[in-house]
């Protein structure tokens, strides 16, 4: 965990960088995961809706 703490300290003031503690990170495997096409569509829909995604309105995409 020492290397992660050093990297986090180096990047503490850089908002464009993120740090993943690889020493303690673990993978999660999904059963029946959505396809890459479905994940891309979900990402497009969320980015198009933006802040309105939680509102009870009709959303349209063209």
Protein backbone atom coordinates (compact mmCIF):
# COMPACT_ATOMS: atom_id res chain seq x y z
CA UNK A 1 0.00 0.00 0.00
CA UNK A 2 3.04 2.25 0.31
CA UNK A 3 3.35 2.85 -3.44
CA UNK A 4 -0.32 3.79 -3.73
CA UNK A 5 0.00 6.31 -0.90
CA UNK A 6 3.05 7.84 -2.58
CA UNK A 7 1.27 8.14 -5.93
CA UNK A 8 -1.85 9.57 -4.25
CA UNK A 9 0.26 12.18 -2.49
CA UNK A 10 1.95 13.13 -5.78
CA UNK A 11 -1.40 13.53 -7.56
CA UNK A 12 -3.34 15.09 -4.68
CA UNK A 13 -3.69 18.48 -6.39
CA UNK A 14 -4.21 17.21 -9.95
CA UNK A 15 -7.97 16.82 -10.53
CA UNK A 16 -7.43 15.18 -13.94
CA UNK A 17 -5.76 12.09 -12.43
CA UNK A 18 -7.24 9.30 -10.35
CA UNK A 19 -5.55 6.71 -8.19
CA UNK A 20 -6.66 3.09 -7.85
CA UNK A 21 -5.18 1.23 -4.90
CA UNK A 22 -4.17 -1.84 -6.88
CA UNK A 23 -2.70 -3.48 -3.80
CA UNK A 24 -6.16 -3.84 -2.26
CA UNK A 25 -8.43 -3.69 -5.32
CA UNK A 26 -10.33 -6.82 -6.20
CA UNK A 27 -12.24 -7.78 -9.28
CA UNK A 28 -15.97 -8.35 -9.38
CA UNK A 29 -17.31 -10.69 -12.03
CA UNK A 30 -20.88 -10.32 -13.24
CA UNK A 31 -23.04 -13.13 -14.46
CA UNK A 32 -25.03 -12.37 -17.60
CA UNK A 33 -23.22 -9.08 -18.07
CA UNK A 34 -24.61 -6.71 -20.73
CA UNK A 35 -22.92 -6.65 -24.10
CA UNK A 36 -20.48 -3.93 -25.09
CA UNK A 37 -23.12 -2.52 -27.44
CA UNK A 38 -25.63 -2.28 -24.58
CA UNK A 39 -23.08 -0.60 -22.31
CA UNK A 40 -22.22 1.94 -25.01
CA UNK A 41 -25.93 2.69 -25.52
CA UNK A 42 -26.45 3.13 -21.77
CA UNK A 43 -23.47 5.51 -21.61
CA UNK A 44 -24.87 7.52 -24.55
CA UNK A 45 -28.31 7.72 -22.95
CA UNK A 46 -26.91 8.86 -19.59
CA UNK A 47 -24.66 11.49 -21.18
CA UNK A 48 -27.55 12.79 -23.32
CA UNK A 49 -29.97 13.02 -20.39
CA UNK A 50 -27.39 14.64 -18.15
CA UNK A 51 -28.85 16.14 -14.99
CA UNK A 52 -32.42 15.46 -16.14
CA UNK A 53 -31.97 11.69 -15.98
CA UNK A 54 -33.62 11.48 -12.52
CA UNK A 55 -36.62 13.61 -13.50
CA UNK A 56 -39.91 11.99 -14.45
CA UNK A 57 -40.01 13.33 -18.01
CA UNK A 58 -39.96 11.81 -21.46
CA UNK A 59 -36.45 11.67 -22.86
CA UNK A 60 -35.80 11.58 -26.61
CA UNK A 61 -32.68 10.95 -28.68
CA UNK A 62 -32.16 11.57 -32.37
